[in-house]
Structures are given as structure tokens and as C-alpha cells.
Amino acid sequence: MDPLEFLLSRHTIIAGAVLGALIASLGPVLLRKLGIGGKSAGKVIARIGYGVSWLSVALFIASGFFYNFE
């Protein structure tokens, strides 16, 4: 399988969206419960989750461009 096909596959895009949502919503809560870092660490983890989610959106758009004409 071509690496581009893997990145633009439906399963990878959905997994990225779900993973990003879980990181953004549960990451700061888990850090607070474990007592690791402060508010700034929670913000960084949330932004990483948002970044993963936006990457999934970008891959979804790219897959529409690459595989629209098949």
C-alpha cells in the first residue's frame, strides 16, 4: 500500500479525528488528576489535540481532491 493511500484512507482520517478529540478533551483532565503540570500544560495538550483534529480535516479535504475522479 502506498503511504499516500494509507494517509488518505477513510479509516486513518476517522481515527485521526477521534484521537484528536480524545486528546483535546481528556488530556487536560488526566493531567490535572495526575497532578502533572499546571494550566499551561493542559492548554498545550488541548492544542495538540486540536492540531491532530485539523490534520484529519486537511487529510479529508485532500482525499476528496485525489480520489474524486475515480
C-alpha atoms as a PDB file:
ATOM      1  CA  MET A   1       0.000   0.000   0.000  1.00  0.00           C
ATOM      2  CA  ASP A   2       1.262   3.424  -0.937  1.00  0.00           C
ATOM      3  CA  PRO A   3       1.902   5.718   2.078  1.00  0.00           C
ATOM      4  CA  LEU A   4      -0.290   8.389   0.492  1.00  0.00           C
ATOM      5  CA  GLU A   5      -3.138   5.907   0.123  1.00  0.00           C
ATOM      6  CA  PHE A   6      -2.783   4.986   3.789  1.00  0.00           C
ATOM      7  CA  LEU A   7      -2.877   8.633   4.914  1.00  0.00           C
ATOM      8  CA  LEU A   8      -5.896   9.410   2.751  1.00  0.00           C
ATOM      9  CA  SER A   9      -7.858   6.277   3.659  1.00  0.00           C
ATOM     10  CA  ARG A  10     -11.186   6.605   5.431  1.00  0.00           C
ATOM     11  CA  HIS A  11     -10.038   4.640   8.487  1.00  0.00           C
ATOM     12  CA  THR A  12      -6.963   6.814   9.027  1.00  0.00           C
ATOM     13  CA  ILE A  13      -8.956  10.032   8.733  1.00  0.00           C
ATOM     14  CA  ILE A  14     -11.637   8.864  11.165  1.00  0.00           C
ATOM     15  CA  ALA A  15      -9.024   7.562  13.609  1.00  0.00           C
ATOM     16  CA  GLY A  16      -7.224  10.917  13.493  1.00  0.00           C
ATOM     17  CA  ALA A  17     -10.425  12.823  14.216  1.00  0.00           C
ATOM     18  CA  VAL A  18     -11.349  10.584  17.144  1.00  0.00           C
ATOM     19  CA  LEU A  19      -7.808  10.598  18.530  1.00  0.00           C
ATOM     20  CA  GLY A  20      -7.607  14.385  18.302  1.00  0.00           C
ATOM     21  CA  ALA A  21     -10.942  14.776  20.087  1.00  0.00           C
ATOM     22  CA  LEU A  22      -9.883  12.411  22.851  1.00  0.00           C
ATOM     23  CA  ILE A  23      -6.555  14.172  23.349  1.00  0.00           C
ATOM     24  CA  ALA A  24      -8.186  17.619  23.384  1.00  0.00           C
ATOM     25  CA  SER A  25     -10.939  16.690  25.805  1.00  0.00           C
ATOM     26  CA  LEU A  26      -9.400  14.070  28.092  1.00  0.00           C
ATOM     27  CA  GLY A  27      -5.737  15.124  28.061  1.00  0.00           C
ATOM     28  CA  PRO A  28      -6.031  18.182  30.318  1.00  0.00           C
ATOM     29  CA  VAL A  29      -8.380  16.354  32.689  1.00  0.00           C
ATOM     30  CA  LEU A  30      -5.967  13.454  33.080  1.00  0.00           C
ATOM     31  CA  LEU A  31      -3.040  15.816  33.626  1.00  0.00           C
ATOM     32  CA  ARG A  32      -4.977  17.594  36.369  1.00  0.00           C
ATOM     33  CA  LYS A  33      -5.943  14.312  38.064  1.00  0.00           C
ATOM     34  CA  LEU A  34      -2.360  13.071  37.975  1.00  0.00           C
ATOM     35  CA  GLY A  35      -1.048  16.413  39.189  1.00  0.00           C
ATOM     36  CA  ILE A  36       1.289  16.875  36.245  1.00  0.00           C
ATOM     37  CA  GLY A  37       1.940  20.440  35.126  1.00  0.00           C
ATOM     38  CA  GLY A  38      -0.416  23.358  35.501  1.00  0.00           C
ATOM     39  CA  LYS A  39      -2.902  25.166  33.328  1.00  0.00           C
ATOM     40  CA  SER A  40      -0.305  25.827  30.660  1.00  0.00           C
ATOM     41  CA  ALA A  41       0.413  22.100  30.247  1.00  0.00           C
ATOM     42  CA  GLY A  42      -3.299  21.452  29.824  1.00  0.00           C
ATOM     43  CA  LYS A  43      -3.516  24.145  27.166  1.00  0.00           C
ATOM     44  CA  VAL A  44      -0.591  22.650  25.270  1.00  0.00           C
ATOM     45  CA  ILE A  45      -2.151  19.183  25.331  1.00  0.00           C
ATOM     46  CA  ALA A  46      -5.505  20.580  24.194  1.00  0.00           C
ATOM     47  CA  ARG A  47      -3.841  22.426  21.320  1.00  0.00           C
ATOM     48  CA  ILE A  48      -2.052  19.250  20.277  1.00  0.00           C
ATOM     49  CA  GLY A  49      -5.429  17.515  20.174  1.00  0.00           C
ATOM     50  CA  TYR A  50      -6.866  20.355  18.086  1.00  0.00           C
ATOM     51  CA  GLY A  51      -3.892  20.074  15.748  1.00  0.00           C
ATOM     52  CA  VAL A  52      -4.467  16.353  15.249  1.00  0.00           C
ATOM     53  CA  SER A  53      -8.137  17.028  14.532  1.00  0.00           C
ATOM     54  CA  TRP A  54      -7.317  19.754  11.995  1.00  0.00           C
ATOM     55  CA  LEU A  55      -4.780  17.468  10.349  1.00  0.00           C
ATOM     56  CA  SER A  56      -7.578  14.938   9.954  1.00  0.00           C
ATOM     57  CA  VAL A  57      -9.760  17.615   8.342  1.00  0.00           C
ATOM     58  CA  ALA A  58      -6.948  18.535   5.948  1.00  0.00           C
ATOM     59  CA  LEU A  59      -6.473  14.879   5.003  1.00  0.00           C
ATOM     60  CA  PHE A  60     -10.212  14.561   4.411  1.00  0.00           C
ATOM     61  CA  ILE A  61     -10.130  17.524   2.029  1.00  0.00           C
ATOM     62  CA  ALA A  62      -7.021  16.200   0.287  1.00  0.00           C
ATOM     63  CA  SER A  63      -8.624  12.791  -0.185  1.00  0.00           C
ATOM     64  CA  GLY A  64     -11.526  14.493  -1.943  1.00  0.00           C
ATOM     65  CA  PHE A  65      -9.112  16.102  -4.390  1.00  0.00           C
ATOM     66  CA  PHE A  66      -7.047  12.967  -5.007  1.00  0.00           C
ATOM     67  CA  TYR A  67      -9.786  10.363  -5.225  1.00  0.00           C
ATOM     68  CA  ASN A  68     -12.706  12.364  -6.589  1.00  0.00           C
ATOM     69  CA  PHE A  69     -12.213  11.288 -10.202  1.00  0.00           C
ATOM     70  CA  GLU A  70     -12.002   7.502  -9.759  1.00  0.00           C
END
